[in-house]
Every structure is written in C-alpha cells, then in structure tokens.
Amino acid sequence: MGIHYDYKSTKSAKLMEKQAKREKKLAEKKAKRLAKEGPKKEEIERNTLDTSKPITLDFLTNPNKE
C-alpha cells in the first residue's frame, strides 16, 4: 500500500516529465519537417491589381495577360 502515499508526492514531477517529453518530441518533429522542406520562402508574391487603373472588359477577358 506504499504506492498510495507515494503517488501524490511524485504526481507533479511525473507530469512535468511528461510535458518536457512531449515538448521535446514536438520540437524534433518541427525541426525534421523544416529540414525536409528546405529554406522557407520569405514572401510569396501575389498578383494584385493596381488601384489607380480602371478594370476594363478587355483586362478581364484577355487570355494573354501576364
């Protein structure tokens, strides 16, 4: 019956060990994923419309637009 007296006194230590183990595992996964992806692109260019130009029908229907 000694386990019952021991349980409460070691509960917090066991929880902290579990949390540390979980965080370590997540950090390893993240490092592995980042290494696999390669260098991260800083910024993805998005084609946004220039607000100073009006939107015309030719602009909307032109198949050769850049």
C-alpha atoms as a PDB file:
ATOM      1  CA  MET A   1       0.000   0.000   0.000  1.00  0.00           C
ATOM      2  CA  GLY A   2       3.028   2.272  -0.089  1.00  0.00           C
ATOM      3  CA  ILE A   3       2.177   3.338  -3.644  1.00  0.00           C
ATOM      4  CA  HIS A   4      -0.742   5.443  -2.419  1.00  0.00           C
ATOM      5  CA  TYR A   5       1.462   7.552  -0.214  1.00  0.00           C
ATOM      6  CA  ASP A   6       3.999   7.925  -2.988  1.00  0.00           C
ATOM      7  CA  TYR A   7       1.529   8.881  -5.716  1.00  0.00           C
ATOM      8  CA  LYS A   8       0.631  12.394  -4.588  1.00  0.00           C
ATOM      9  CA  SER A   9       4.189  13.362  -3.781  1.00  0.00           C
ATOM     10  CA  THR A  10       5.511  12.344  -7.212  1.00  0.00           C
ATOM     11  CA  LYS A  11       2.483  13.328  -9.308  1.00  0.00           C
ATOM     12  CA  SER A  12       3.717  16.834 -10.174  1.00  0.00           C
ATOM     13  CA  ALA A  13       7.206  15.605 -11.048  1.00  0.00           C
ATOM     14  CA  LYS A  14       5.782  12.946 -13.359  1.00  0.00           C
ATOM     15  CA  LEU A  15       3.520  15.496 -15.050  1.00  0.00           C
ATOM     16  CA  MET A  16       6.459  17.846 -15.645  1.00  0.00           C
ATOM     17  CA  GLU A  17       8.495  14.972 -17.112  1.00  0.00           C
ATOM     18  CA  LYS A  18       5.629  14.076 -19.440  1.00  0.00           C
ATOM     19  CA  GLN A  19       5.263  17.697 -20.548  1.00  0.00           C
ATOM     20  CA  ALA A  20       9.008  18.012 -21.182  1.00  0.00           C
ATOM     21  CA  LYS A  21       8.993  14.777 -23.169  1.00  0.00           C
ATOM     22  CA  ARG A  22       6.016  15.951 -25.232  1.00  0.00           C
ATOM     23  CA  GLU A  23       7.645  19.312 -25.977  1.00  0.00           C
ATOM     24  CA  LYS A  24      10.934  17.647 -26.929  1.00  0.00           C
ATOM     25  CA  LYS A  25       9.116  15.315 -29.304  1.00  0.00           C
ATOM     26  CA  LEU A  26       7.224  18.197 -30.925  1.00  0.00           C
ATOM     27  CA  ALA A  27      10.430  20.208 -31.316  1.00  0.00           C
ATOM     28  CA  GLU A  28      12.137  17.261 -33.024  1.00  0.00           C
ATOM     29  CA  LYS A  29       9.184  16.840 -35.377  1.00  0.00           C
ATOM     30  CA  LYS A  30       9.231  20.530 -36.234  1.00  0.00           C
ATOM     31  CA  ALA A  31      12.987  20.517 -36.880  1.00  0.00           C
ATOM     32  CA  LYS A  32      12.673  17.447 -39.063  1.00  0.00           C
ATOM     33  CA  ARG A  33       9.805  18.991 -41.042  1.00  0.00           C
ATOM     34  CA  LEU A  34      11.700  22.261 -41.558  1.00  0.00           C
ATOM     35  CA  ALA A  35      14.807  20.386 -42.686  1.00  0.00           C
ATOM     36  CA  LYS A  36      12.731  18.373 -45.133  1.00  0.00           C
ATOM     37  CA  GLU A  37      11.016  21.453 -46.617  1.00  0.00           C
ATOM     38  CA  GLY A  38      14.254  23.308 -47.186  1.00  0.00           C
ATOM     39  CA  PRO A  39      14.695  27.054 -46.955  1.00  0.00           C
ATOM     40  CA  LYS A  40      11.467  28.889 -46.337  1.00  0.00           C
ATOM     41  CA  LYS A  41      10.430  31.486 -48.865  1.00  0.00           C
ATOM     42  CA  GLU A  42      10.300  34.875 -47.230  1.00  0.00           C
ATOM     43  CA  GLU A  43       7.423  36.287 -49.169  1.00  0.00           C
ATOM     44  CA  ILE A  44       5.141  34.910 -51.822  1.00  0.00           C
ATOM     45  CA  GLU A  45       4.400  37.431 -54.494  1.00  0.00           C
ATOM     46  CA  ARG A  46       0.753  37.900 -55.170  1.00  0.00           C
ATOM     47  CA  ASN A  47      -0.571  39.468 -58.287  1.00  0.00           C
ATOM     48  CA  THR A  48      -2.637  42.333 -57.025  1.00  0.00           C
ATOM     49  CA  LEU A  49      -4.480  44.807 -59.110  1.00  0.00           C
ATOM     50  CA  ASP A  50      -3.266  48.367 -59.334  1.00  0.00           C
ATOM     51  CA  THR A  51      -5.924  50.533 -57.749  1.00  0.00           C
ATOM     52  CA  SER A  52      -5.074  53.522 -59.925  1.00  0.00           C
ATOM     53  CA  LYS A  53      -6.069  51.686 -63.143  1.00  0.00           C
ATOM     54  CA  PRO A  54      -9.712  51.069 -64.002  1.00  0.00           C
ATOM     55  CA  ILE A  55     -10.856  47.490 -64.588  1.00  0.00           C
ATOM     56  CA  THR A  56     -11.948  47.073 -68.176  1.00  0.00           C
ATOM     57  CA  LEU A  57     -13.676  44.263 -70.031  1.00  0.00           C
ATOM     58  CA  ASP A  58     -10.553  43.728 -72.129  1.00  0.00           C
ATOM     59  CA  PHE A  59      -8.492  43.300 -68.961  1.00  0.00           C
ATOM     60  CA  LEU A  60     -10.919  40.698 -67.605  1.00  0.00           C
ATOM     61  CA  THR A  61     -11.247  38.672 -70.811  1.00  0.00           C
ATOM     62  CA  ASN A  62      -7.671  38.876 -72.173  1.00  0.00           C
ATOM     63  CA  PRO A  63      -6.267  35.307 -72.272  1.00  0.00           C
ATOM     64  CA  ASN A  64      -2.691  36.554 -72.739  1.00  0.00           C
ATOM     65  CA  LYS A  65      -2.439  38.601 -69.581  1.00  0.00           C
ATOM     66  CA  GLU A  66       0.719  38.341 -67.514  1.00  0.00           C
END
